Amino acid sequence: NAGASQNILSRLATGYIRLLARYGKQPAEKLVQMHTYDLSR
């Protein structure tokens, strides 16, 4: 559930950006992506 505990303003902003991206008004790349790495590597 990482990221699910965002505060209300963060959730609203994320939802708004996704809505704009869905209708081609703004690219979804504005959302910050999170990635993990392999510790062994």
ModelCIF file with pLDDT and N, C-alpha, C, O atoms, coordinates in Angstrom:
data_MODEL
#
_entry.id   MODEL 
#
_entity.id                         1 
_entity.type                       polymer 
_entity.pdbx_number_of_molecules   1 
#
_entity_poly.entity_id                      1 
_entity_poly.type                           'polypeptide(L)' 
_entity_poly.nstd_linkage                   no 
_entity_poly.nstd_monomer                   no 
_entity_poly.pdbx_seq_one_letter_code       NAGASQNILSRLATGYIRLLARYGKQPAEKLVQMHTYDLSR 
_entity_poly.pdbx_seq_one_letter_code_can   NAGASQNILSRLATGYIRLLARYGKQPAEKLVQMHTYDLSR 
_entity_poly.pdbx_strand_id                 A 
#
loop_
_entity_poly_seq.entity_id 
_entity_poly_seq.num 
_entity_poly_seq.mon_id 
_entity_poly_seq.hetero 
1 1  ASN n 
1 2  ALA n 
1 3  GLY n 
1 4  ALA n 
1 5  SER n 
1 6  GLN n 
1 7  ASN n 
1 8  ILE n 
1 9  LEU n 
1 10 SER n 
1 11 ARG n 
1 12 LEU n 
1 13 ALA n 
1 14 THR n 
1 15 GLY n 
1 16 TYR n 
1 17 ILE n 
1 18 ARG n 
1 19 LEU n 
1 20 LEU n 
1 21 ALA n 
1 22 ARG n 
1 23 TYR n 
1 24 GLY n 
1 25 LYS n 
1 26 GLN n 
1 27 PRO n 
1 28 ALA n 
1 29 GLU n 
1 30 LYS n 
1 31 LEU n 
1 32 VAL n 
1 33 GLN n 
1 34 MET n 
1 35 HIS n 
1 36 THR n 
1 37 TYR n 
1 38 ASP n 
1 39 LEU n 
1 40 SER n 
1 41 ARG n 
#
_struct_asym.id          A 
_struct_asym.entity_id   1 
#
loop_
_ma_qa_metric.id 
_ma_qa_metric.mode 
_ma_qa_metric.name 
_ma_qa_metric.software_group_id 
_ma_qa_metric.type 
1 global pLDDT . pLDDT 
2 local  pLDDT . pLDDT 
#
_ma_qa_metric_global.metric_id      1 
_ma_qa_metric_global.metric_value   70.54 
_ma_qa_metric_global.model_id       1 
_ma_qa_metric_global.ordinal_id     1 
#
loop_
_ma_qa_metric_local.label_asym_id 
_ma_qa_metric_local.label_comp_id 
_ma_qa_metric_local.label_seq_id 
_ma_qa_metric_local.metric_id 
_ma_qa_metric_local.metric_value 
_ma_qa_metric_local.model_id 
_ma_qa_metric_local.ordinal_id 
A ASN 1  2 64.00 1 1  
A ALA 2  2 60.00 1 2  
A GLY 3  2 55.00 1 3  
A ALA 4  2 51.00 1 4  
A SER 5  2 50.00 1 5  
A GLN 6  2 56.00 1 6  
A ASN 7  2 61.00 1 7  
A ILE 8  2 67.00 1 8  
A LEU 9  2 67.00 1 9  
A SER 10 2 63.00 1 10 
A ARG 11 2 68.00 1 11 
A LEU 12 2 72.00 1 12 
A ALA 13 2 70.00 1 13 
A THR 14 2 69.00 1 14 
A GLY 15 2 73.00 1 15 
A TYR 16 2 75.00 1 16 
A ILE 17 2 70.00 1 17 
A ARG 18 2 72.00 1 18 
A LEU 19 2 74.00 1 19 
A LEU 20 2 75.00 1 20 
A ALA 21 2 71.00 1 21 
A ARG 22 2 74.00 1 22 
A TYR 23 2 75.00 1 23 
A GLY 24 2 71.00 1 24 
A LYS 25 2 69.00 1 25 
A GLN 26 2 64.00 1 26 
A PRO 27 2 62.00 1 27 
A ALA 28 2 56.00 1 28 
A GLU 29 2 58.00 1 29 
A LYS 30 2 54.00 1 30 
A LEU 31 2 58.00 1 31 
A VAL 32 2 66.00 1 32 
A GLN 33 2 74.00 1 33 
A MET 34 2 80.00 1 34 
A HIS 35 2 85.00 1 35 
A THR 36 2 90.00 1 36 
A TYR 37 2 93.00 1 37 
A ASP 38 2 95.00 1 38 
A LEU 39 2 94.00 1 39 
A SER 40 2 95.00 1 40 
A ARG 41 2 96.00 1 41 
#
loop_
_atom_site.group_PDB 
_atom_site.id 
_atom_site.type_symbol 
_atom_site.label_atom_id 
_atom_site.label_alt_id 
_atom_site.label_comp_id 
_atom_site.label_asym_id 
_atom_site.label_entity_id 
_atom_site.label_seq_id 
_atom_site.pdbx_PDB_ins_code 
_atom_site.Cartn_x 
_atom_site.Cartn_y 
_atom_site.Cartn_z 
_atom_site.occupancy 
_atom_site.B_iso_or_equiv 
_atom_site.pdbx_formal_charge 
_atom_site.auth_seq_id 
_atom_site.auth_comp_id 
_atom_site.auth_asym_id 
_atom_site.auth_atom_id 
_atom_site.pdbx_PDB_model_num 
ATOM 1   N N  . ASN A 1 1  ? 0.813  -1.220 0.000   1.00 64.00 ? 1  ASN A N  1 
ATOM 2   C CA . ASN A 1 1  ? 0.000  0.000  0.000   1.00 64.00 ? 1  ASN A CA 1 
ATOM 3   C C  . ASN A 1 1  ? 0.844  1.266  0.000   1.00 64.00 ? 1  ASN A C  1 
ATOM 4   O O  . ASN A 1 1  ? 0.364  2.324  0.407   1.00 64.00 ? 1  ASN A O  1 
ATOM 5   N N  . ALA A 1 2  ? 2.097  1.177  -0.451  1.00 60.00 ? 2  ALA A N  1 
ATOM 6   C CA . ALA A 1 2  ? 2.977  2.354  -0.447  1.00 60.00 ? 2  ALA A CA 1 
ATOM 7   C C  . ALA A 1 2  ? 2.349  3.471  -1.258  1.00 60.00 ? 2  ALA A C  1 
ATOM 8   O O  . ALA A 1 2  ? 1.862  3.251  -2.367  1.00 60.00 ? 2  ALA A O  1 
ATOM 9   N N  . GLY A 1 3  ? 2.364  4.645  -0.709  1.00 55.00 ? 3  GLY A N  1 
ATOM 10  C CA . GLY A 1 3  ? 1.788  5.806  -1.377  1.00 55.00 ? 3  GLY A CA 1 
ATOM 11  C C  . GLY A 1 3  ? 0.321  6.003  -1.049  1.00 55.00 ? 3  GLY A C  1 
ATOM 12  O O  . GLY A 1 3  ? -0.232 7.078  -1.285  1.00 55.00 ? 3  GLY A O  1 
ATOM 13  N N  . ALA A 1 4  ? -0.313 4.972  -0.507  1.00 51.00 ? 4  ALA A N  1 
ATOM 14  C CA . ALA A 1 4  ? -1.737 5.086  -0.198  1.00 51.00 ? 4  ALA A CA 1 
ATOM 15  C C  . ALA A 1 4  ? -1.996 5.982  0.999   1.00 51.00 ? 4  ALA A C  1 
ATOM 16  O O  . ALA A 1 4  ? -3.116 6.453  1.195   1.00 51.00 ? 4  ALA A O  1 
ATOM 17  N N  . SER A 1 5  ? -0.973 6.217  1.794   1.00 50.00 ? 5  SER A N  1 
ATOM 18  C CA . SER A 1 5  ? -1.153 7.022  3.003   1.00 50.00 ? 5  SER A CA 1 
ATOM 19  C C  . SER A 1 5  ? -0.888 8.503  2.764   1.00 50.00 ? 5  SER A C  1 
ATOM 20  O O  . SER A 1 5  ? -0.624 9.239  3.715   1.00 50.00 ? 5  SER A O  1 
ATOM 21  N N  . GLN A 1 6  ? -0.951 8.951  1.525   1.00 56.00 ? 6  GLN A N  1 
ATOM 22  C CA . GLN A 1 6  ? -0.744 10.367 1.235   1.00 56.00 ? 6  GLN A CA 1 
ATOM 23  C C  . GLN A 1 6  ? -1.808 11.204 1.942   1.00 56.00 ? 6  GLN A C  1 
ATOM 24  O O  . GLN A 1 6  ? -2.901 10.724 2.243   1.00 56.00 ? 6  GLN A O  1 
ATOM 25  N N  . ASN A 1 7  ? -1.469 12.446 2.195   1.00 61.00 ? 7  ASN A N  1 
ATOM 26  C CA . ASN A 1 7  ? -2.476 13.313 2.791   1.00 61.00 ? 7  ASN A CA 1 
ATOM 27  C C  . ASN A 1 7  ? -3.521 13.681 1.740   1.00 61.00 ? 7  ASN A C  1 
ATOM 28  O O  . ASN A 1 7  ? -3.336 13.401 0.555   1.00 61.00 ? 7  ASN A O  1 
ATOM 29  N N  . ILE A 1 8  ? -4.595 14.294 2.162   1.00 67.00 ? 8  ILE A N  1 
ATOM 30  C CA . ILE A 1 8  ? -5.727 14.583 1.281   1.00 67.00 ? 8  ILE A CA 1 
ATOM 31  C C  . ILE A 1 8  ? -5.334 15.487 0.115   1.00 67.00 ? 8  ILE A C  1 
ATOM 32  O O  . ILE A 1 8  ? -5.806 15.280 -1.002  1.00 67.00 ? 8  ILE A O  1 
ATOM 33  N N  . LEU A 1 9  ? -4.486 16.477 0.347   1.00 67.00 ? 9  LEU A N  1 
ATOM 34  C CA . LEU A 1 9  ? -4.069 17.373 -0.742  1.00 67.00 ? 9  LEU A CA 1 
ATOM 35  C C  . LEU A 1 9  ? -3.256 16.624 -1.790  1.00 67.00 ? 9  LEU A C  1 
ATOM 36  O O  . LEU A 1 9  ? -3.435 16.848 -2.988  1.00 67.00 ? 9  LEU A O  1 
ATOM 37  N N  . SER A 1 10 ? -2.369 15.741 -1.355  1.00 63.00 ? 10 SER A N  1 
ATOM 38  C CA . SER A 1 10 ? -1.571 14.950 -2.303  1.00 63.00 ? 10 SER A CA 1 
ATOM 39  C C  . SER A 1 10 ? -2.464 14.043 -3.136  1.00 63.00 ? 10 SER A C  1 
ATOM 40  O O  . SER A 1 10 ? -2.265 13.911 -4.344  1.00 63.00 ? 10 SER A O  1 
ATOM 41  N N  . ARG A 1 11 ? -3.450 13.417 -2.494  1.00 68.00 ? 11 ARG A N  1 
ATOM 42  C CA . ARG A 1 11 ? -4.364 12.519 -3.231  1.00 68.00 ? 11 ARG A CA 1 
ATOM 43  C C  . ARG A 1 11 ? -5.191 13.313 -4.243  1.00 68.00 ? 11 ARG A C  1 
ATOM 44  O O  . ARG A 1 11 ? -5.412 12.853 -5.363  1.00 68.00 ? 11 ARG A O  1 
ATOM 45  N N  . LEU A 1 12 ? -5.650 14.510 -3.847  1.00 72.00 ? 12 LEU A N  1 
ATOM 46  C CA . LEU A 1 12 ? -6.426 15.338 -4.768  1.00 72.00 ? 12 LEU A CA 1 
ATOM 47  C C  . LEU A 1 12 ? -5.584 15.789 -5.964  1.00 72.00 ? 12 LEU A C  1 
ATOM 48  O O  . LEU A 1 12 ? -6.050 15.744 -7.102  1.00 72.00 ? 12 LEU A O  1 
ATOM 49  N N  . ALA A 1 13 ? -4.356 16.219 -5.711  1.00 70.00 ? 13 ALA A N  1 
ATOM 50  C CA . ALA A 1 13 ? -3.478 16.649 -6.799  1.00 70.00 ? 13 ALA A CA 1 
ATOM 51  C C  . ALA A 1 13 ? -3.173 15.498 -7.747  1.00 70.00 ? 13 ALA A C  1 
ATOM 52  O O  . ALA A 1 13 ? -3.189 15.676 -8.965  1.00 70.00 ? 13 ALA A O  1 
ATOM 53  N N  . THR A 1 14 ? -2.895 14.323 -7.198  1.00 69.00 ? 14 THR A N  1 
ATOM 54  C CA . THR A 1 14 ? -2.622 13.144 -8.028  1.00 69.00 ? 14 THR A CA 1 
ATOM 55  C C  . THR A 1 14 ? -3.840 12.791 -8.863  1.00 69.00 ? 14 THR A C  1 
ATOM 56  O O  . THR A 1 14 ? -3.716 12.506 -10.055 1.00 69.00 ? 14 THR A O  1 
ATOM 57  N N  . GLY A 1 15 ? -5.001 12.808 -8.257  1.00 73.00 ? 15 GLY A N  1 
ATOM 58  C CA . GLY A 1 15 ? -6.234 12.508 -8.983  1.00 73.00 ? 15 GLY A CA 1 
ATOM 59  C C  . GLY A 1 15 ? -6.501 13.505 -10.096 1.00 73.00 ? 15 GLY A C  1 
ATOM 60  O O  . GLY A 1 15 ? -6.941 13.127 -11.182 1.00 73.00 ? 15 GLY A O  1 
ATOM 61  N N  . TYR A 1 16 ? -6.238 14.773 -9.830  1.00 75.00 ? 16 TYR A N  1 
ATOM 62  C CA . TYR A 1 16 ? -6.443 15.822 -10.825 1.00 75.00 ? 16 TYR A CA 1 
ATOM 63  C C  . TYR A 1 16 ? -5.501 15.632 -12.022 1.00 75.00 ? 16 TYR A C  1 
ATOM 64  O O  . TYR A 1 16 ? -5.929 15.738 -13.171 1.00 75.00 ? 16 TYR A O  1 
ATOM 65  N N  . ILE A 1 17 ? -4.227 15.352 -11.752 1.00 70.00 ? 17 ILE A N  1 
ATOM 66  C CA . ILE A 1 17 ? -3.261 15.133 -12.836 1.00 70.00 ? 17 ILE A CA 1 
ATOM 67  C C  . ILE A 1 17 ? -3.655 13.914 -13.669 1.00 70.00 ? 17 ILE A C  1 
ATOM 68  O O  . ILE A 1 17 ? -3.557 13.936 -14.896 1.00 70.00 ? 17 ILE A O  1 
ATOM 69  N N  . ARG A 1 18 ? -4.099 12.856 -13.000 1.00 72.00 ? 18 ARG A N  1 
ATOM 70  C CA . ARG A 1 18 ? -4.534 11.654 -13.738 1.00 72.00 ? 18 ARG A CA 1 
ATOM 71  C C  . ARG A 1 18 ? -5.761 11.943 -14.597 1.00 72.00 ? 18 ARG A C  1 
ATOM 72  O O  . ARG A 1 18 ? -5.868 11.453 -15.721 1.00 72.00 ? 18 ARG A O  1 
ATOM 73  N N  . LEU A 1 19 ? -6.675 12.733 -14.069 1.00 74.00 ? 19 LEU A N  1 
ATOM 74  C CA . LEU A 1 19 ? -7.869 13.100 -14.827 1.00 74.00 ? 19 LEU A CA 1 
ATOM 75  C C  . LEU A 1 19 ? -7.494 13.900 -16.069 1.00 74.00 ? 19 LEU A C  1 
ATOM 76  O O  . LEU A 1 19 ? -7.999 13.627 -17.158 1.00 74.00 ? 19 LEU A O  1 
ATOM 77  N N  . LEU A 1 20 ? -6.615 14.884 -15.914 1.00 75.00 ? 20 LEU A N  1 
ATOM 78  C CA . LEU A 1 20 ? -6.164 15.666 -17.058 1.00 75.00 ? 20 LEU A CA 1 
ATOM 79  C C  . LEU A 1 20 ? -5.469 14.772 -18.096 1.00 75.00 ? 20 LEU A C  1 
ATOM 80  O O  . LEU A 1 20 ? -5.680 14.929 -19.298 1.00 75.00 ? 20 LEU A O  1 
ATOM 81  N N  . ALA A 1 21 ? -4.644 13.840 -17.623 1.00 71.00 ? 21 ALA A N  1 
ATOM 82  C CA . ALA A 1 21 ? -3.927 12.948 -18.534 1.00 71.00 ? 21 ALA A CA 1 
ATOM 83  C C  . ALA A 1 21 ? -4.901 12.045 -19.293 1.00 71.00 ? 21 ALA A C  1 
ATOM 84  O O  . ALA A 1 21 ? -4.693 11.752 -20.470 1.00 71.00 ? 21 ALA A O  1 
ATOM 85  N N  . ARG A 1 22 ? -5.946 11.612 -18.627 1.00 74.00 ? 22 ARG A N  1 
ATOM 86  C CA . ARG A 1 22 ? -6.930 10.725 -19.249 1.00 74.00 ? 22 ARG A CA 1 
ATOM 87  C C  . ARG A 1 22 ? -7.583 11.399 -20.453 1.00 74.00 ? 22 ARG A C  1 
ATOM 88  O O  . ARG A 1 22 ? -7.901 10.738 -21.441 1.00 74.00 ? 22 ARG A O  1 
ATOM 89  N N  . TYR A 1 23 ? -7.780 12.698 -20.372 1.00 75.00 ? 23 TYR A N  1 
ATOM 90  C CA . TYR A 1 23 ? -8.428 13.431 -21.451 1.00 75.00 ? 23 TYR A CA 1 
ATOM 91  C C  . TYR A 1 23 ? -7.431 14.167 -22.345 1.00 75.00 ? 23 TYR A C  1 
ATOM 92  O O  . TYR A 1 23 ? -7.812 15.043 -23.122 1.00 75.00 ? 23 TYR A O  1 
ATOM 93  N N  . GLY A 1 24 ? -6.139 13.803 -22.227 1.00 71.00 ? 24 GLY A N  1 
ATOM 94  C CA . GLY A 1 24 ? -5.118 14.353 -23.105 1.00 71.00 ? 24 GLY A CA 1 
ATOM 95  C C  . GLY A 1 24 ? -4.759 15.800 -22.858 1.00 71.00 ? 24 GLY A C  1 
ATOM 96  O O  . GLY A 1 24 ? -4.137 16.434 -23.711 1.00 71.00 ? 24 GLY A O  1 
ATOM 97  N N  . LYS A 1 25 ? -5.136 16.340 -21.714 1.00 69.00 ? 25 LYS A N  1 
ATOM 98  C CA . LYS A 1 25 ? -4.860 17.747 -21.419 1.00 69.00 ? 25 LYS A CA 1 
ATOM 99  C C  . LYS A 1 25 ? -3.465 17.977 -20.836 1.00 69.00 ? 25 LYS A C  1 
ATOM 100 O O  . LYS A 1 25 ? -2.901 19.063 -20.971 1.00 69.00 ? 25 LYS A O  1 
ATOM 101 N N  . GLN A 1 26 ? -2.924 16.966 -20.201 1.00 64.00 ? 26 GLN A N  1 
ATOM 102 C CA . GLN A 1 26 ? -1.622 17.112 -19.560 1.00 64.00 ? 26 GLN A CA 1 
ATOM 103 C C  . GLN A 1 26 ? -1.003 15.718 -19.445 1.00 64.00 ? 26 GLN A C  1 
ATOM 104 O O  . GLN A 1 26 ? -1.709 14.765 -19.115 1.00 64.00 ? 26 GLN A O  1 
ATOM 105 N N  . PRO A 1 27 ? 0.293  15.577 -19.709 1.00 62.00 ? 27 PRO A N  1 
ATOM 106 C CA . PRO A 1 27 ? 0.902  14.243 -19.627 1.00 62.00 ? 27 PRO A CA 1 
ATOM 107 C C  . PRO A 1 27 ? 0.966  13.723 -18.198 1.00 62.00 ? 27 PRO A C  1 
ATOM 108 O O  . PRO A 1 27 ? 1.188  14.483 -17.255 1.00 62.00 ? 27 PRO A O  1 
ATOM 109 N N  . ALA A 1 28 ? 0.769  12.423 -18.054 1.00 56.00 ? 28 ALA A N  1 
ATOM 110 C CA . ALA A 1 28 ? 0.811  11.795 -16.728 1.00 56.00 ? 28 ALA A CA 1 
ATOM 111 C C  . ALA A 1 28 ? 2.227  11.746 -16.170 1.00 56.00 ? 28 ALA A C  1 
ATOM 112 O O  . ALA A 1 28 ? 2.414  11.405 -15.002 1.00 56.00 ? 28 ALA A O  1 
ATOM 113 N N  . GLU A 1 29 ? 3.233  12.081 -16.985 1.00 58.00 ? 29 GLU A N  1 
ATOM 114 C CA . GLU A 1 29 ? 4.612  12.069 -16.507 1.00 58.00 ? 29 GLU A CA 1 
ATOM 115 C C  . GLU A 1 29 ? 4.837  13.056 -15.374 1.00 58.00 ? 29 GLU A C  1 
ATOM 116 O O  . GLU A 1 29 ? 5.853  12.995 -14.682 1.00 58.00 ? 29 GLU A O  1 
ATOM 117 N N  . LYS A 1 30 ? 3.895  13.958 -15.188 1.00 54.00 ? 30 LYS A N  1 
ATOM 118 C CA . LYS A 1 30 ? 4.029  14.916 -14.086 1.00 54.00 ? 30 LYS A CA 1 
ATOM 119 C C  . LYS A 1 30 ? 3.979  14.210 -12.736 1.00 54.00 ? 30 LYS A C  1 
ATOM 120 O O  . LYS A 1 30 ? 4.428  14.758 -11.730 1.00 54.00 ? 30 LYS A O  1 
ATOM 121 N N  . LEU A 1 31 ? 3.430  12.987 -12.712 1.00 58.00 ? 31 LEU A N  1 
ATOM 122 C CA . LEU A 1 31 ? 3.397  12.220 -11.469 1.00 58.00 ? 31 LEU A CA 1 
ATOM 123 C C  . LEU A 1 31 ? 4.806  11.688 -11.202 1.00 58.00 ? 31 LEU A C  1 
ATOM 124 O O  . LEU A 1 31 ? 5.470  11.194 -12.113 1.00 58.00 ? 31 LEU A O  1 
ATOM 125 N N  . VAL A 1 32 ? 5.250  11.790 -9.976  1.00 66.00 ? 32 VAL A N  1 
ATOM 126 C CA . VAL A 1 32 ? 6.576  11.306 -9.610  1.00 66.00 ? 32 VAL A CA 1 
ATOM 127 C C  . VAL A 1 32 ? 6.526  9.780  -9.514  1.00 66.00 ? 32 VAL A C  1 
ATOM 128 O O  . VAL A 1 32 ? 5.717  9.216  -8.778  1.00 66.00 ? 32 VAL A O  1 
ATOM 129 N N  . GLN A 1 33 ? 7.391  9.140  -10.259 1.00 74.00 ? 33 GLN A N  1 
ATOM 130 C CA . GLN A 1 33 ? 7.444  7.684  -10.234 1.00 74.00 ? 33 GLN A CA 1 
ATOM 131 C C  . GLN A 1 33 ? 8.459  7.229  -9.195  1.00 74.00 ? 33 GLN A C  1 
ATOM 132 O O  . GLN A 1 33 ? 9.476  7.887  -8.973  1.00 74.00 ? 33 GLN A O  1 
ATOM 133 N N  . MET A 1 34 ? 8.171  6.102  -8.565  1.00 80.00 ? 34 MET A N  1 
ATOM 134 C CA . MET A 1 34 ? 9.072  5.522  -7.577  1.00 80.00 ? 34 MET A CA 1 
ATOM 135 C C  . MET A 1 34 ? 9.506  4.151  -8.073  1.00 80.00 ? 34 MET A C  1 
ATOM 136 O O  . MET A 1 34 ? 8.691  3.372  -8.568  1.00 80.00 ? 34 MET A O  1 
ATOM 137 N N  . HIS A 1 35 ? 10.787 3.865  -7.937  1.00 85.00 ? 35 HIS A N  1 
ATOM 138 C CA . HIS A 1 35 ? 11.338 2.593  -8.381  1.00 85.00 ? 35 HIS A CA 1 
ATOM 139 C C  . HIS A 1 35 ? 12.191 1.998  -7.274  1.00 85.00 ? 35 HIS A C  1 
ATOM 140 O O  . HIS A 1 35 ? 12.741 2.720  -6.443  1.00 85.00 ? 35 HIS A O  1 
ATOM 141 N N  . THR A 1 36 ? 12.294 0.679  -7.271  1.00 90.00 ? 36 THR A N  1 
ATOM 142 C CA . THR A 1 36 ? 13.150 -0.009 -6.316  1.00 90.00 ? 36 THR A CA 1 
ATOM 143 C C  . THR A 1 36 ? 14.288 -0.691 -7.058  1.00 90.00 ? 36 THR A C  1 
ATOM 144 O O  . THR A 1 36 ? 14.201 -0.950 -8.258  1.00 90.00 ? 36 THR A O  1 
ATOM 145 N N  . TYR A 1 37 ? 15.354 -0.976 -6.326  1.00 93.00 ? 37 TYR A N  1 
ATOM 146 C CA . TYR A 1 37 ? 16.542 -1.594 -6.876  1.00 93.00 ? 37 TYR A CA 1 
ATOM 147 C C  . TYR A 1 37 ? 16.846 -2.895 -6.139  1.00 93.00 ? 37 TYR A C  1 
ATOM 148 O O  . TYR A 1 37 ? 16.438 -3.083 -4.993  1.00 93.00 ? 37 TYR A O  1 
ATOM 149 N N  . ASP A 1 38 ? 17.555 -3.773 -6.802  1.00 95.00 ? 38 ASP A N  1 
ATOM 150 C CA . ASP A 1 38 ? 17.959 -5.056 -6.226  1.00 95.00 ? 38 ASP A CA 1 
ATOM 151 C C  . ASP A 1 38 ? 19.254 -4.844 -5.436  1.00 95.00 ? 38 ASP A C  1 
ATOM 152 O O  . ASP A 1 38 ? 20.293 -4.518 -6.010  1.00 95.00 ? 38 ASP A O  1 
ATOM 153 N N  . LEU A 1 39 ? 19.182 -5.031 -4.122  1.00 94.00 ? 39 LEU A N  1 
ATOM 154 C CA . LEU A 1 39 ? 20.337 -4.801 -3.260  1.00 94.00 ? 39 LEU A CA 1 
ATOM 155 C C  . LEU A 1 39 ? 21.513 -5.684 -3.666  1.00 94.00 ? 39 LEU A C  1 
ATOM 156 O O  . LEU A 1 39 ? 22.654 -5.222 -3.646  1.00 94.00 ? 39 LEU A O  1 
ATOM 157 N N  . SER A 1 40 ? 21.269 -6.930 -4.029  1.00 95.00 ? 40 SER A N  1 
ATOM 158 C CA . SER A 1 40 ? 22.355 -7.826 -4.433  1.00 95.00 ? 40 SER A CA 1 
ATOM 159 C C  . SER A 1 40 ? 23.090 -7.289 -5.656  1.00 95.00 ? 40 SER A C  1 
ATOM 160 O O  . SER A 1 40 ? 24.317 -7.345 -5.730  1.00 95.00 ? 40 SER A O  1 
ATOM 161 N N  . ARG A 1 41 ? 22.337 -6.777 -6.601  1.00 96.00 ? 41 ARG A N  1 
ATOM 162 C CA . ARG A 1 41 ? 22.952 -6.237 -7.817  1.00 96.00 ? 41 ARG A CA 1 
ATOM 163 C C  . ARG A 1 41 ? 23.780 -4.992 -7.509  1.00 96.00 ? 41 ARG A C  1 
ATOM 164 O O  . ARG A 1 41 ? 24.370 -4.404 -8.416  1.00 96.00 ? 41 ARG A O  1 
#
